[in-house]
Protein backbone atom coordinates (compact mmCIF):
# COMPACT_ATOMS: atom_id res chain seq x y z
CA MET A 1 46.01 314.67 225.74
CA ARG A 2 49.10 312.62 226.28
CA LYS A 3 49.67 312.45 222.57
CA ALA A 4 49.53 316.27 222.43
CA ILE A 5 52.14 316.66 225.23
CA ALA A 6 54.38 314.18 223.58
CA ILE A 7 54.31 316.02 220.27
CA TRP A 8 55.13 319.35 221.96
CA ILE A 9 58.08 317.71 223.81
CA LEU A 10 59.37 316.30 220.48
CA LEU A 11 59.05 319.65 218.72
CA ALA A 12 60.87 321.49 221.49
CA ALA A 13 63.67 318.96 221.49
CA ASN A 14 63.96 319.09 217.66
CA CYS A 15 64.18 323.00 217.76
CA ALA A 16 66.96 322.92 220.55
CA ILE A 17 69.06 320.45 218.47
CA ALA A 18 68.88 322.46 215.30
CA ASP A 19 69.76 325.72 216.97
CA ASP A 20 72.93 324.22 218.45
CA ARG A 21 74.02 322.84 215.08
CA GLU A 22 73.54 326.09 213.44
CA ARG A 23 75.51 327.96 215.98
CA ASP A 24 78.50 325.55 215.87
CA HIS A 25 78.58 325.61 212.06
CA ASN A 26 78.81 329.39 211.98
CA ARG A 27 81.50 329.50 214.69
CA THR A 28 83.78 327.11 212.65
CA ARG A 29 83.11 328.91 209.47
CA GLU A 30 84.32 332.28 210.93
CA LEU A 31 87.61 330.80 212.17
CA HIS A 32 88.62 329.09 208.77
CA ASN A 33 91.78 330.74 207.34
CA TYR A 34 92.42 329.75 203.79
CA ILE A 35 95.63 331.67 203.55
CA ILE A 36 97.30 329.72 206.36
CA GLU A 37 95.86 326.45 205.00
CA ARG A 38 97.42 327.13 201.46
CA GLN A 39 100.82 327.84 203.01
CA GLN A 40 100.68 324.64 205.08
CA ILE A 41 99.95 322.45 202.16
CA GLY A 42 102.74 324.04 200.16
CA ALA A 43 100.53 325.40 197.30
CA VAL A 44 102.05 328.87 197.90
CA GLN A 45 104.75 330.74 199.75
CA GLY A 46 104.15 334.03 201.66
CA VAL A 47 100.96 336.13 201.75
CA PRO A 48 98.87 337.36 198.92
CA THR A 49 100.01 340.64 197.22
CA SER A 50 96.41 341.66 196.40
CA ARG A 51 92.76 340.68 196.80
CA ILE A 52 89.94 341.20 194.39
CA ILE A 53 86.42 341.38 196.03
CA ASN A 54 83.57 340.98 193.70
CA GLY A 55 80.27 340.69 195.48
CA THR A 56 80.65 337.68 197.73
CA ARG A 57 83.84 336.20 196.02
CA GLU A 58 87.17 337.05 197.40
CA ILE A 59 90.05 336.30 195.08
CA ASP A 60 93.72 336.30 196.50
CA ILE A 61 96.50 336.92 194.03
CA TYR A 62 100.03 335.77 194.97
CA PRO A 63 103.36 337.10 193.61
CA ASN A 64 103.82 333.93 191.41
CA GLY A 65 100.48 334.97 189.67
CA LEU A 66 98.23 332.14 191.20
CA MET A 67 94.78 333.31 191.84
CA PHE A 68 92.80 331.39 194.62
CA GLU A 69 89.21 331.60 195.82
CA LYS A 70 89.07 329.64 199.11
CA ASN A 71 91.29 326.66 198.31
CA ASN A 72 90.52 326.49 194.64
CA VAL A 73 92.76 327.86 191.88
CA VAL A 74 90.63 330.13 189.63
CA GLY A 75 93.33 331.41 187.37
CA VAL A 76 96.81 332.50 186.74
CA LYS A 77 97.67 336.19 186.22
CA PRO A 78 100.36 336.72 183.68
CA THR A 79 103.70 338.13 185.11
CA ARG A 80 105.29 341.14 183.51
């Protein structure tokens, strides 16, 4: 009987801990702003002139032709 109670307490504590981690992870993910981060490190100046959305991918295109997905350069668009 004591073993069963101990197991139930451990399971309940484990579920409570997992729920808090998931909620905190989603909150920080929503607040992440890659545009500001790119400007702060000096990779680009200004804001993107356009954005390509393909499914879950969001690609920002800057006036100098650099194309970023999150903080990764994914290409360079030729200038005219």
